[in-house]
Amino acid sequence: MNYMKGKDVLPARLLKEIQEYVEGSLVYIPKKSNKAGWGYLSGARESIDQRNKRMINLFECGKSIGDLAKQFHLGEDTIKKIVYKKK
C-alpha cells in the first residue's frame, strides 16, 4: 500500500472537509469496485431466493416451521428468519 500526503492528492476544499472528521490520522480509502454481490455470477443467489420464496409460500399455506426445516434441511431458526423477514 502506498501512502500519499492528502495535500498532494486531494483538492483543498475536500482536504479541509476531511479534516473536520479526522485530523493527523491515517485513513484507508478503498478502491472503487463494480464487484457483483455474492452468488450473482454463479446463479447461487437466484437459486436461494427461489428456495426462500417456495418456503414462504408453503408457510403461508399452513406448513409448520418444523416441517419446513425437515424438508429444506435447515434449522428452525433459519426458517423463521426467512419466513418472518419483513418485505
Protein backbone atom coordinates (compact mmCIF):
# COMPACT_ATOMS: atom_id res chain seq x y z
CA MET A 1 0.00 0.00 0.00
CA ASN A 2 1.37 3.39 -0.94
CA TYR A 3 0.97 6.29 1.42
CA MET A 4 0.36 9.71 -0.07
CA LYS A 5 0.03 13.10 1.51
CA GLY A 6 -3.54 14.35 1.38
CA LYS A 7 -2.44 17.85 0.40
CA ASP A 8 -0.65 16.37 -2.62
CA VAL A 9 -3.60 14.38 -3.99
CA LEU A 10 -6.82 15.99 -2.74
CA PRO A 11 -8.40 19.30 -3.69
CA ALA A 12 -8.04 21.87 -0.89
CA ARG A 13 -11.80 22.04 -0.19
CA LEU A 14 -12.02 18.24 0.17
CA LEU A 15 -8.95 18.11 2.41
CA LYS A 16 -10.50 20.77 4.63
CA GLU A 17 -13.76 18.80 4.82
CA ILE A 18 -11.96 15.57 5.74
CA GLN A 19 -10.03 17.41 8.44
CA GLU A 20 -13.36 18.17 10.12
CA TYR A 21 -13.73 14.41 10.76
CA VAL A 22 -10.15 13.17 11.15
CA GLU A 23 -7.00 15.16 11.54
CA GLY A 24 -3.47 13.81 11.74
CA SER A 25 -4.61 10.17 11.34
CA LEU A 26 -4.16 7.55 8.67
CA VAL A 27 -7.31 6.91 6.68
CA TYR A 28 -7.78 3.99 4.29
CA ILE A 29 -9.73 4.86 1.14
CA PRO A 30 -10.91 1.67 -0.61
CA LYS A 31 -10.74 1.20 -4.35
CA LYS A 32 -13.86 1.74 -6.42
CA SER A 33 -15.49 -1.58 -7.04
CA ASN A 34 -18.02 -2.84 -9.56
CA LYS A 35 -17.85 -6.24 -7.94
CA ALA A 36 -21.03 -8.29 -8.15
CA GLY A 37 -22.60 -9.40 -4.89
CA TRP A 38 -22.23 -12.91 -3.52
CA GLY A 39 -23.70 -15.58 -5.77
CA TYR A 40 -24.92 -13.32 -8.57
CA LEU A 41 -22.43 -14.51 -11.19
CA SER A 42 -22.76 -18.20 -10.35
CA GLY A 43 -26.54 -18.13 -10.02
CA ALA A 44 -26.44 -19.30 -6.41
CA ARG A 45 -28.18 -16.13 -5.17
CA GLU A 46 -31.10 -16.68 -7.58
CA SER A 47 -31.38 -20.31 -6.52
CA ILE A 48 -31.52 -19.40 -2.84
CA ASP A 49 -34.05 -16.63 -3.50
CA GLN A 50 -36.31 -19.09 -5.33
CA ARG A 51 -35.97 -21.61 -2.49
CA ASN A 52 -36.88 -18.94 0.05
CA LYS A 53 -39.95 -17.91 -1.97
CA ARG A 54 -41.08 -21.56 -2.03
CA MET A 55 -40.59 -21.74 1.74
CA ILE A 56 -42.62 -18.58 2.32
CA ASN A 57 -45.44 -19.84 0.08
CA LEU A 58 -45.55 -23.18 1.89
CA PHE A 59 -45.55 -21.42 5.27
CA GLU A 60 -48.39 -19.12 4.17
CA CYS A 61 -50.33 -22.23 3.07
CA GLY A 62 -50.06 -23.66 6.59
CA LYS A 63 -46.90 -25.76 6.64
CA SER A 64 -45.20 -25.63 10.04
CA ILE A 65 -41.70 -24.31 10.78
CA GLY A 66 -40.65 -27.82 11.85
CA ASP A 67 -41.89 -29.40 8.62
CA LEU A 68 -40.10 -26.76 6.54
CA ALA A 69 -36.87 -27.32 8.49
CA LYS A 70 -37.00 -31.03 7.69
CA GLN A 71 -37.97 -30.52 4.05
CA PHE A 72 -35.25 -27.95 3.32
CA HIS A 73 -32.60 -29.37 5.70
CA LEU A 74 -32.24 -26.10 7.62
CA GLY A 75 -32.53 -25.19 11.28
CA GLU A 76 -35.82 -23.88 12.61
CA ASP A 77 -34.20 -20.52 13.49
CA THR A 78 -33.06 -20.15 9.86
CA ILE A 79 -36.56 -20.95 8.61
CA LYS A 80 -38.03 -18.36 10.99
CA LYS A 81 -35.63 -15.70 9.72
CA ILE A 82 -36.72 -16.42 6.16
CA VAL A 83 -40.50 -16.65 6.64
CA TYR A 84 -40.80 -13.79 9.14
CA LYS A 85 -38.48 -11.43 7.23
CA LYS A 86 -40.09 -8.07 6.56
CA LYS A 87 -40.54 -7.30 2.88
